[in-house]
Structure formats: structure tokens, C-alpha cells
Protein backbone atom coordinates (compact mmCIF):
# COMPACT_ATOMS: atom_id res chain seq x y z
CA MET A 1 0.00 0.00 0.00
CA THR A 2 2.86 2.35 0.76
CA LEU A 3 4.31 1.74 -2.70
CA PHE A 4 0.95 2.69 -4.23
CA ILE A 5 0.95 5.95 -2.24
CA TYR A 6 4.48 6.81 -3.40
CA VAL A 7 3.62 6.06 -7.03
CA MET A 8 0.44 8.16 -6.94
CA MET A 9 2.24 11.00 -5.16
CA THR A 10 4.97 10.98 -7.80
CA ILE A 11 2.48 10.93 -10.68
CA MET A 12 0.49 13.82 -9.22
CA PHE A 13 3.67 15.82 -8.56
CA VAL A 14 5.02 15.33 -12.08
CA TYR A 15 1.66 16.18 -13.67
CA THR A 16 1.23 19.33 -11.56
CA ALA A 17 4.83 20.46 -12.07
CA GLY A 18 4.44 19.93 -15.81
CA PHE A 19 1.36 22.11 -15.77
CA GLY A 20 3.40 24.76 -13.93
CA VAL A 21 6.07 24.63 -16.64
CA THR A 22 3.36 25.05 -19.29
CA LEU A 23 2.01 28.10 -17.48
CA TRP A 24 5.54 29.53 -17.22
CA LYS A 25 6.08 29.11 -20.96
CA ASP A 26 2.74 30.81 -21.65
CA LYS A 27 3.99 33.86 -19.70
CA ASN A 28 1.62 33.30 -16.78
CA LYS A 29 4.28 33.64 -14.09
CA PRO A 30 2.02 34.24 -11.02
CA GLY A 31 -0.12 31.22 -11.89
CA SER A 32 2.98 29.15 -12.42
CA VAL A 33 4.37 30.05 -9.01
CA VAL A 34 1.08 29.07 -7.35
CA VAL A 35 0.97 25.74 -9.22
CA PHE A 36 4.58 24.97 -8.22
CA GLY A 37 3.58 25.70 -4.61
CA LEU A 38 0.74 23.22 -5.02
CA ALA A 39 3.18 20.66 -6.45
CA MET A 40 5.45 21.11 -3.42
CA THR A 41 2.44 20.62 -1.13
CA ILE A 42 1.55 17.43 -2.98
CA ALA A 43 5.12 16.19 -2.49
CA ILE A 44 5.42 17.11 1.21
CA ALA A 45 1.93 16.72 2.75
CA PRO A 46 1.70 12.90 2.61
CA PHE A 47 4.75 12.60 4.89
CA PHE A 48 2.81 14.45 7.63
CA THR A 49 -0.55 12.77 7.07
CA ILE A 50 -0.66 9.34 5.39
CA LEU A 51 2.94 8.14 5.72
CA ARG A 52 3.57 8.78 9.43
């Protein structure tokens, strides 16, 4: 089950970070910064909640 959580977390992080890169390329810098913040939250939050 822990492996499944790590895989899903990685997929969600990569997808969200890729969307942030797309926003950055489209010259939407504030939106990109917010999406990268969301990607960091996706990467860090499970260590404090699910994976204790």
C-alpha cells in the first residue's frame, strides 16, 4: 500500500509540475508560481498525514 501511495504522489507531482512549466512558458508567471507551490504541497503533505 505504501508503494501505491508513493507512485500516486509521484504521478500527481510530475503532472502538476508539468502544468506549472506550461504556465511559465505561456507567460503566466504568477499562476505558475502558485501551481509549483501546489506541487510542493503534494510532495510534502503525505509525509505528515498518510505516511507517518
